Amino acid sequence: MIDLFLYNWQVREDWFVWCESLAEEELFVKRTGGMESLFQNLVHVVDCELLWINHLIQEPVVYAGREEIRTLEDIRAYSEFTKTVTKPVIDGWNGELEDQIVHITGRNGYVRSFTYGKIIRHLISHEIHHIGQLSIWAREIGRKPVSSDLIIRDY
């Protein structure tokens, strides 16, 4: 499971590199589905990782520059910051954490309970889902998407 997490980080970095070759305006073009742009999809993936990891470590970690994310380099910096928060959770992962429960109070006051394992699997599948959207959009603009082939990657 942790391998898939590291795989996602590697693919995310490849998408950052891929996006460097685009005209900046292309990052912000409104598209169908997802978070409606390449830029917002990437920000959303990082936002969700930090949100859910905050629940697992049970302390709010806030990225001071979150409101100033306006460029690809800003997203990369946000991603790197988030990895520093996530990495200790990933590095410390063990069988005991899999079934540990965290209780989360939603905006409506309703409390939901999830296992740590379910949250980690959600983060993995969530990122894969949004990376798939980036791949579709890449093809729509006539570009080859980043390879997401797990079997050939070393992570």
N, C-alpha and C. Protein backbone atom coordinates (compact mmCIF):
# COMPACT_ATOMS: atom_id res chain seq x y z
N MET A 1 0.83 -1.20 0.00
CA MET A 1 0.00 0.00 0.00
C MET A 1 0.87 1.26 0.00
N ILE A 2 1.90 1.24 0.80
CA ILE A 2 2.79 2.40 0.87
C ILE A 2 3.49 2.60 -0.48
N ASP A 3 3.77 1.51 -1.18
CA ASP A 3 4.36 1.62 -2.52
C ASP A 3 3.47 2.44 -3.44
N LEU A 4 2.15 2.25 -3.34
CA LEU A 4 1.24 3.02 -4.19
C LEU A 4 1.26 4.51 -3.83
N PHE A 5 1.43 4.81 -2.56
CA PHE A 5 1.53 6.20 -2.13
C PHE A 5 2.76 6.84 -2.77
N LEU A 6 3.90 6.15 -2.69
CA LEU A 6 5.14 6.67 -3.26
C LEU A 6 5.05 6.76 -4.78
N TYR A 7 4.39 5.79 -5.39
CA TYR A 7 4.13 5.83 -6.83
C TYR A 7 3.36 7.10 -7.20
N ASN A 8 2.32 7.42 -6.44
CA ASN A 8 1.54 8.63 -6.72
C ASN A 8 2.40 9.88 -6.64
N TRP A 9 3.27 9.94 -5.66
CA TRP A 9 4.15 11.11 -5.55
C TRP A 9 5.04 11.22 -6.78
N GLN A 10 5.54 10.09 -7.26
CA GLN A 10 6.40 10.09 -8.44
C GLN A 10 5.63 10.55 -9.68
N VAL A 11 4.43 10.02 -9.86
CA VAL A 11 3.61 10.42 -11.01
C VAL A 11 3.24 11.90 -10.90
N ARG A 12 2.93 12.38 -9.70
CA ARG A 12 2.62 13.80 -9.52
C ARG A 12 3.79 14.66 -9.96
N GLU A 13 4.99 14.29 -9.56
CA GLU A 13 6.18 15.05 -9.96
C GLU A 13 6.34 15.03 -11.48
N ASP A 14 6.08 13.89 -12.09
CA ASP A 14 6.15 13.81 -13.55
C ASP A 14 5.13 14.75 -14.20
N TRP A 15 3.96 14.89 -13.60
CA TRP A 15 2.97 15.82 -14.13
C TRP A 15 3.44 17.27 -13.99
N PHE A 16 4.10 17.58 -12.89
CA PHE A 16 4.65 18.93 -12.75
C PHE A 16 5.63 19.21 -13.89
N VAL A 17 6.52 18.27 -14.16
CA VAL A 17 7.48 18.43 -15.24
C VAL A 17 6.75 18.56 -16.58
N TRP A 18 5.76 17.72 -16.80
CA TRP A 18 4.96 17.76 -18.03
C TRP A 18 4.33 19.13 -18.20
N CYS A 19 3.78 19.68 -17.14
CA CYS A 19 3.10 20.98 -17.20
C CYS A 19 4.07 22.12 -17.52
N GLU A 20 5.34 21.95 -17.19
CA GLU A 20 6.33 23.00 -17.48
C GLU A 20 6.42 23.29 -18.97
N SER A 21 6.09 22.32 -19.81
CA SER A 21 6.21 22.51 -21.25
C SER A 21 4.99 23.20 -21.86
N LEU A 22 3.97 23.46 -21.06
CA LEU A 22 2.76 24.12 -21.55
C LEU A 22 2.88 25.64 -21.41
N ALA A 23 2.14 26.33 -22.24
CA ALA A 23 1.97 27.77 -22.01
C ALA A 23 1.20 27.90 -20.70
N GLU A 24 1.57 28.86 -19.88
CA GLU A 24 0.95 28.99 -18.56
C GLU A 24 -0.58 29.08 -18.64
N GLU A 25 -1.08 29.76 -19.65
CA GLU A 25 -2.54 29.91 -19.79
C GLU A 25 -3.24 28.55 -19.90
N GLU A 26 -2.56 27.58 -20.50
CA GLU A 26 -3.15 26.26 -20.70
C GLU A 26 -3.47 25.57 -19.37
N LEU A 27 -2.70 25.90 -18.33
CA LEU A 27 -2.95 25.32 -17.01
C LEU A 27 -4.30 25.74 -16.44
N PHE A 28 -4.80 26.88 -16.88
CA PHE A 28 -6.01 27.46 -16.29
C PHE A 28 -7.25 27.34 -17.17
N VAL A 29 -7.11 26.76 -18.36
CA VAL A 29 -8.26 26.61 -19.26
C VAL A 29 -9.32 25.75 -18.57
N LYS A 30 -10.56 26.24 -18.62
CA LYS A 30 -11.67 25.51 -18.01
C LYS A 30 -11.97 24.27 -18.86
N ARG A 31 -12.06 23.13 -18.18
CA ARG A 31 -12.27 21.85 -18.84
C ARG A 31 -13.47 21.14 -18.21
N THR A 32 -13.92 20.10 -18.88
CA THR A 32 -15.06 19.34 -18.38
C THR A 32 -14.58 18.30 -17.38
N GLY A 33 -15.21 18.28 -16.21
CA GLY A 33 -14.90 17.27 -15.20
C GLY A 33 -13.85 17.74 -14.23
N GLY A 34 -13.59 16.89 -13.26
CA GLY A 34 -12.55 17.17 -12.27
C GLY A 34 -12.75 18.51 -11.59
N MET A 35 -11.64 19.16 -11.35
CA MET A 35 -11.68 20.47 -10.71
C MET A 35 -11.64 21.58 -11.76
N GLU A 36 -11.89 21.20 -13.01
CA GLU A 36 -12.10 22.09 -14.15
C GLU A 36 -10.85 22.70 -14.77
N SER A 37 -9.66 22.41 -14.24
CA SER A 37 -8.43 22.85 -14.91
C SER A 37 -7.28 21.97 -14.44
N LEU A 38 -6.24 21.92 -15.25
CA LEU A 38 -5.04 21.19 -14.85
C LEU A 38 -4.53 21.74 -13.53
N PHE A 39 -4.47 23.05 -13.45
CA PHE A 39 -3.96 23.73 -12.26
C PHE A 39 -4.77 23.35 -11.01
N GLN A 40 -6.08 23.50 -11.08
CA GLN A 40 -6.91 23.22 -9.91
C GLN A 40 -6.93 21.74 -9.55
N ASN A 41 -6.80 20.86 -10.54
CA ASN A 41 -6.73 19.43 -10.23
C ASN A 41 -5.49 19.13 -9.39
N LEU A 42 -4.36 19.71 -9.77
CA LEU A 42 -3.13 19.48 -9.02
C LEU A 42 -3.22 20.07 -7.61
N VAL A 43 -3.75 21.27 -7.49
CA VAL A 43 -3.91 21.87 -6.15
C VAL A 43 -4.84 21.01 -5.30
N HIS A 44 -5.93 20.56 -5.88
CA HIS A 44 -6.92 19.75 -5.16
C HIS A 44 -6.31 18.46 -4.60
N VAL A 45 -5.48 17.80 -5.40
CA VAL A 45 -4.86 16.55 -4.95
C VAL A 45 -4.00 16.81 -3.71
N VAL A 46 -3.23 17.88 -3.75
CA VAL A 46 -2.36 18.21 -2.61
C VAL A 46 -3.20 18.65 -1.42
N ASP A 47 -4.23 19.47 -1.66
CA ASP A 47 -5.14 19.89 -0.57
C ASP A 47 -5.70 18.69 0.17
N CYS A 48 -6.19 17.73 -0.58
CA CYS A 48 -6.83 16.56 0.04
C CYS A 48 -5.84 15.73 0.82
N GLU A 49 -4.63 15.59 0.29
CA GLU A 49 -3.61 14.84 1.03
C GLU A 49 -3.36 15.51 2.38
N LEU A 50 -3.15 16.81 2.38
CA LEU A 50 -2.88 17.51 3.63
C LEU A 50 -4.07 17.43 4.58
N LEU A 51 -5.27 17.59 4.06
CA LEU A 51 -6.48 17.52 4.89
C LEU A 51 -6.58 16.19 5.62
N TRP A 52 -6.46 15.09 4.87
CA TRP A 52 -6.63 13.77 5.48
C TRP A 52 -5.47 13.39 6.38
N ILE A 53 -4.26 13.78 6.03
CA ILE A 53 -3.12 13.50 6.90
C ILE A 53 -3.27 14.28 8.20
N ASN A 54 -3.78 15.51 8.12
CA ASN A 54 -4.06 16.27 9.34
C ASN A 54 -4.98 15.48 10.27
N HIS A 55 -5.98 14.82 9.71
CA HIS A 55 -6.88 14.01 10.54
C HIS A 55 -6.12 12.85 11.18
N LEU A 56 -5.21 12.24 10.43
CA LEU A 56 -4.48 11.10 10.98
C LEU A 56 -3.52 11.51 12.09
N ILE A 57 -2.86 12.65 11.93
CA ILE A 57 -1.92 13.08 12.97
C ILE A 57 -2.62 13.89 14.06
N GLN A 58 -3.89 14.17 13.82
CA GLN A 58 -4.77 14.85 14.78
C GLN A 58 -4.23 16.19 15.26
N GLU A 59 -3.66 16.92 14.31
CA GLU A 59 -3.28 18.30 14.58
C GLU A 59 -3.32 19.05 13.27
N PRO A 60 -3.82 20.26 13.32
CA PRO A 60 -3.92 21.02 12.07
C PRO A 60 -2.56 21.55 11.63
N VAL A 61 -2.15 21.14 10.44
CA VAL A 61 -0.95 21.68 9.82
C VAL A 61 -1.44 22.52 8.66
N VAL A 62 -1.12 23.79 8.68
CA VAL A 62 -1.61 24.71 7.66
C VAL A 62 -0.44 25.19 6.83
N TYR A 63 -0.63 25.22 5.53
CA TYR A 63 0.39 25.74 4.64
C TYR A 63 0.20 27.25 4.55
N ALA A 64 1.17 27.98 5.05
CA ALA A 64 1.05 29.44 5.14
C ALA A 64 0.81 30.10 3.80
N GLY A 65 1.33 29.52 2.72
CA GLY A 65 1.20 30.14 1.41
C GLY A 65 0.01 29.64 0.61
N ARG A 66 -0.91 28.93 1.23
CA ARG A 66 -2.02 28.31 0.49
C ARG A 66 -2.81 29.31 -0.35
N GLU A 67 -3.08 30.46 0.18
CA GLU A 67 -3.89 31.46 -0.54
C GLU A 67 -3.13 32.13 -1.68
N GLU A 68 -1.81 31.96 -1.71
CA GLU A 68 -1.00 32.58 -2.75
C GLU A 68 -0.57 31.61 -3.84
N ILE A 69 -1.21 30.46 -3.95
CA ILE A 69 -0.85 29.49 -4.98
C ILE A 69 -1.43 29.96 -6.31
N ARG A 70 -0.52 30.42 -7.18
CA ARG A 70 -0.95 30.98 -8.46
C ARG A 70 -0.16 30.46 -9.65
N THR A 71 0.93 29.75 -9.36
CA THR A 71 1.79 29.26 -10.44
C THR A 71 2.10 27.78 -10.22
N LEU A 72 2.65 27.16 -11.24
CA LEU A 72 3.07 25.77 -11.14
C LEU A 72 4.12 25.60 -10.04
N GLU A 73 5.04 26.53 -9.95
CA GLU A 73 6.06 26.45 -8.89
C GLU A 73 5.43 26.56 -7.51
N ASP A 74 4.38 27.35 -7.38
CA ASP A 74 3.66 27.45 -6.10
C ASP A 74 3.04 26.10 -5.71
N ILE A 75 2.46 25.40 -6.70
CA ILE A 75 1.87 24.09 -6.42
C ILE A 75 2.97 23.11 -6.01
N ARG A 76 4.08 23.16 -6.71
CA ARG A 76 5.19 22.26 -6.37
C ARG A 76 5.67 22.50 -4.94
N ALA A 77 5.78 23.75 -4.56
CA ALA A 77 6.22 24.07 -3.20
C ALA A 77 5.20 23.55 -2.18
N TYR A 78 3.93 23.71 -2.49
CA TYR A 78 2.86 23.21 -1.63
C TYR A 78 2.93 21.68 -1.52
N SER A 79 3.16 21.02 -2.64
CA SER A 79 3.28 19.57 -2.65
C SER A 79 4.47 19.12 -1.80
N GLU A 80 5.60 19.80 -1.95
CA GLU A 80 6.79 19.44 -1.16
C GLU A 80 6.54 19.64 0.33
N PHE A 81 5.89 20.74 0.69
CA PHE A 81 5.54 20.97 2.09
C PHE A 81 4.65 19.84 2.60
N THR A 82 3.63 19.49 1.83
CA THR A 82 2.70 18.46 2.25
C THR A 82 3.40 17.11 2.41
N LYS A 83 4.34 16.83 1.55
CA LYS A 83 5.11 15.58 1.69
C LYS A 83 5.86 15.53 3.01
N THR A 84 6.35 16.69 3.49
CA THR A 84 7.07 16.69 4.78
C THR A 84 6.14 16.35 5.93
N VAL A 85 4.86 16.65 5.77
CA VAL A 85 3.87 16.31 6.80
C VAL A 85 3.46 14.85 6.65
N THR A 86 3.32 14.39 5.42
CA THR A 86 2.86 13.03 5.14
C THR A 86 3.94 11.98 5.37
N LYS A 87 5.16 12.29 5.03
CA LYS A 87 6.24 11.29 5.07
C LYS A 87 6.38 10.59 6.41
N PRO A 88 6.33 11.28 7.56
CA PRO A 88 6.43 10.54 8.83
C PRO A 88 5.29 9.53 9.03
N VAL A 89 4.12 9.84 8.51
CA VAL A 89 3.00 8.90 8.61
C VAL A 89 3.29 7.67 7.76
N ILE A 90 3.75 7.90 6.54
CA ILE A 90 4.06 6.81 5.62
C ILE A 90 5.23 5.98 6.14
N ASP A 91 6.28 6.66 6.59
CA ASP A 91 7.47 5.96 7.09
C ASP A 91 7.16 5.15 8.35
N GLY A 92 6.22 5.61 9.14
CA GLY A 92 5.88 4.93 10.39
C GLY A 92 4.74 3.93 10.25
N TRP A 93 4.29 3.70 9.01
CA TRP A 93 3.14 2.83 8.79
C TRP A 93 3.46 1.40 9.23
N ASN A 94 2.51 0.82 9.96
CA ASN A 94 2.64 -0.57 10.36
C ASN A 94 1.25 -1.19 10.48
N GLY A 95 1.20 -2.47 10.68
CA GLY A 95 -0.07 -3.19 10.76
C GLY A 95 -1.00 -2.69 11.84
N GLU A 96 -0.45 -2.18 12.92
CA GLU A 96 -1.29 -1.68 14.01
C GLU A 96 -2.08 -0.44 13.59
N LEU A 97 -1.51 0.37 12.72
CA LEU A 97 -2.20 1.59 12.29
C LEU A 97 -3.37 1.30 11.37
N GLU A 98 -3.30 0.21 10.63
CA GLU A 98 -4.32 -0.13 9.65
C GLU A 98 -5.73 -0.02 10.21
N ASP A 99 -5.96 -0.55 11.40
CA ASP A 99 -7.30 -0.58 11.98
C ASP A 99 -7.55 0.47 13.05
N GLN A 100 -6.57 1.34 13.28
CA GLN A 100 -6.77 2.43 14.23
C GLN A 100 -7.87 3.35 13.68
N ILE A 101 -8.70 3.85 14.56
CA ILE A 101 -9.85 4.65 14.13
C ILE A 101 -9.64 6.11 14.46
N VAL A 102 -10.04 6.95 13.53
CA VAL A 102 -10.04 8.39 13.76
C VAL A 102 -11.49 8.87 13.59
N HIS A 103 -11.90 9.75 14.47
CA HIS A 103 -13.26 10.31 14.43
C HIS A 103 -13.15 11.73 13.90
N ILE A 104 -13.97 12.02 12.90
CA ILE A 104 -13.91 13.31 12.22
C ILE A 104 -15.27 13.98 12.29
N THR A 105 -15.29 15.19 12.82
CA THR A 105 -16.53 15.95 12.88
C THR A 105 -16.63 16.83 11.65
N GLY A 106 -17.71 16.63 10.89
CA GLY A 106 -17.93 17.41 9.67
C GLY A 106 -18.46 18.79 9.97
N ARG A 107 -18.60 19.58 8.93
CA ARG A 107 -19.11 20.95 9.08
C ARG A 107 -20.52 20.97 9.68
N ASN A 108 -21.27 19.91 9.40
CA ASN A 108 -22.64 19.84 9.90
C ASN A 108 -22.72 19.30 11.33
N GLY A 109 -21.56 19.02 11.95
CA GLY A 109 -21.53 18.51 13.31
C GLY A 109 -21.62 17.00 13.41
N TYR A 110 -21.87 16.34 12.28
CA TYR A 110 -21.99 14.89 12.26
C TYR A 110 -20.59 14.27 12.36
N VAL A 111 -20.44 13.27 13.22
CA VAL A 111 -19.16 12.61 13.42
C VAL A 111 -19.11 11.32 12.60
N ARG A 112 -18.05 11.17 11.83
CA ARG A 112 -17.82 9.95 11.05
C ARG A 112 -16.54 9.31 11.54
N SER A 113 -16.49 8.03 11.50
CA SER A 113 -15.30 7.30 11.94
C SER A 113 -14.74 6.49 10.78
N PHE A 114 -13.41 6.55 10.64
CA PHE A 114 -12.72 5.84 9.58
C PHE A 114 -11.47 5.18 10.15
N THR A 115 -11.07 4.08 9.56
CA THR A 115 -9.78 3.51 9.94
C THR A 115 -8.68 4.26 9.20
N TYR A 116 -7.49 4.23 9.79
CA TYR A 116 -6.35 4.86 9.13
C TYR A 116 -6.13 4.22 7.76
N GLY A 117 -6.28 2.90 7.70
CA GLY A 117 -6.08 2.20 6.43
C GLY A 117 -7.03 2.68 5.35
N LYS A 118 -8.28 2.89 5.72
CA LYS A 118 -9.25 3.36 4.73
C LYS A 118 -8.89 4.75 4.23
N ILE A 119 -8.42 5.60 5.12
CA ILE A 119 -8.03 6.96 4.72
C ILE A 119 -6.83 6.91 3.77
N ILE A 120 -5.84 6.09 4.07
CA ILE A 120 -4.68 5.98 3.18
C ILE A 120 -5.11 5.44 1.82
N ARG A 121 -5.96 4.42 1.80
CA ARG A 121 -6.44 3.88 0.52
C ARG A 121 -7.27 4.92 -0.24
N HIS A 122 -8.03 5.73 0.49
CA HIS A 122 -8.78 6.80 -0.17
C HIS A 122 -7.83 7.80 -0.83
N LEU A 123 -6.79 8.20 -0.11
CA LEU A 123 -5.83 9.15 -0.69
C LEU A 123 -5.18 8.58 -1.95
N ILE A 124 -4.84 7.31 -1.92
CA ILE A 124 -4.21 6.67 -3.08
C ILE A 124 -5.18 6.68 -4.27
N SER A 125 -6.40 6.22 -4.06
CA SER A 125 -7.35 6.13 -5.17
C SER A 125 -7.80 7.51 -5.64
N HIS A 126 -7.89 8.47 -4.73
CA HIS A 126 -8.28 9.83 -5.06
C HIS A 126 -7.27 10.45 -6.03
N GLU A 127 -5.98 10.30 -5.72
CA GLU A 127 -4.97 10.87 -6.59
C GLU A 127 -4.95 10.17 -7.94
N ILE A 128 -5.08 8.86 -7.95
CA ILE A 128 -5.11 8.13 -9.22
C ILE A 128 -6.28 8.61 -10.07
N HIS A 129 -7.42 8.82 -9.46
CA HIS A 129 -8.61 9.31 -10.16
C HIS A 129 -8.32 10.66 -10.85
N HIS A 130 -7.77 11.59 -10.09
CA HIS A 130 -7.52 12.92 -10.66
C HIS A 130 -6.38 12.91 -11.68
N ILE A 131 -5.40 12.04 -11.50
CA ILE A 131 -4.34 11.91 -12.49
C ILE A 131 -4.93 11.37 -13.80
N GLY A 132 -5.92 10.49 -13.70
CA GLY A 132 -6.61 10.02 -14.90
C GLY A 132 -7.28 11.16 -15.65
N GLN A 133 -7.84 12.09 -14.91
CA GLN A 133 -8.46 13.26 -15.55
C GLN A 133 -7.40 14.09 -16.28
N LEU A 134 -6.23 14.26 -15.67
CA LEU A 134 -5.16 14.99 -16.34
C LEU A 134 -4.77 14.29 -17.64
N SER A 135 -4.75 12.98 -17.62
CA SER A 135 -4.39 12.21 -18.82
C SER A 135 -5.40 12.45 -19.94
N ILE A 136 -6.67 12.46 -19.62
CA ILE A 136 -7.71 12.72 -20.62
C ILE A 136 -7.53 14.13 -21.19
N TRP A 137 -7.34 15.11 -20.34
CA TRP A 137 -7.18 16.48 -20.80
C TRP A 137 -5.93 16.63 -21.66
N ALA A 138 -4.85 15.92 -21.30
CA ALA A 138 -3.63 15.96 -22.12
C ALA A 138 -3.94 15.50 -23.54
N ARG A 139 -4.66 14.41 -23.66
CA ARG A 139 -5.00 13.90 -24.99
C ARG A 139 -5.92 14.86 -25.73
N GLU A 140 -6.82 15.53 -25.01
CA GLU A 140 -7.71 16.51 -25.65
C GLU A 140 -6.95 17.68 -26.28
N ILE A 141 -5.79 18.01 -25.72
CA ILE A 141 -5.01 19.11 -26.30
C ILE A 141 -3.89 18.58 -27.20
N GLY A 142 -3.97 17.28 -27.53
CA GLY A 142 -3.04 16.70 -28.48
C GLY A 142 -1.67 16.37 -27.92
N ARG A 143 -1.58 16.20 -26.61
CA ARG A 143 -0.31 15.89 -25.95
C ARG A 143 -0.34 14.48 -25.38
N LYS A 144 0.81 13.85 -25.36
CA LYS A 144 0.94 12.54 -24.74
C LYS A 144 0.96 12.74 -23.22
N PRO A 145 0.11 11.99 -22.49
CA PRO A 145 0.12 12.15 -21.03
C PRO A 145 1.32 11.47 -20.38
N VAL A 146 1.53 11.77 -19.13
CA VAL A 146 2.55 11.11 -18.32
C VAL A 146 2.19 9.63 -18.23
N SER A 147 3.18 8.78 -18.31
CA SER A 147 2.92 7.34 -18.14
C SER A 147 2.59 7.07 -16.68
N SER A 148 1.52 6.35 -16.48
CA SER A 148 1.14 5.96 -15.12
C SER A 148 1.35 4.47 -14.93
N ASP A 149 2.19 3.87 -15.75
CA ASP A 149 2.45 2.44 -15.71
C ASP A 149 3.22 2.07 -14.44
N LEU A 150 2.53 1.49 -13.50
CA LEU A 150 3.12 1.13 -12.21
C LEU A 150 4.24 0.10 -12.35
N ILE A 151 4.08 -0.84 -13.23
CA ILE A 151 4.99 -1.97 -13.32
C ILE A 151 6.41 -1.57 -13.74
N ILE A 152 6.54 -0.47 -14.49
CA ILE A 152 7.88 -0.08 -14.95
C ILE A 152 8.55 0.97 -14.07
N ARG A 153 7.88 1.42 -13.05
CA ARG A 153 8.43 2.47 -12.21
C ARG A 153 9.23 1.89 -11.04
N ASP A 154 10.30 2.58 -10.70
CA ASP A 154 11.05 2.29 -9.47
C ASP A 154 10.74 3.41 -8.51
N TYR A 155 10.28 3.07 -7.34
CA TYR A 155 9.94 4.11 -6.36
C TYR A 155 10.48 3.80 -5.01
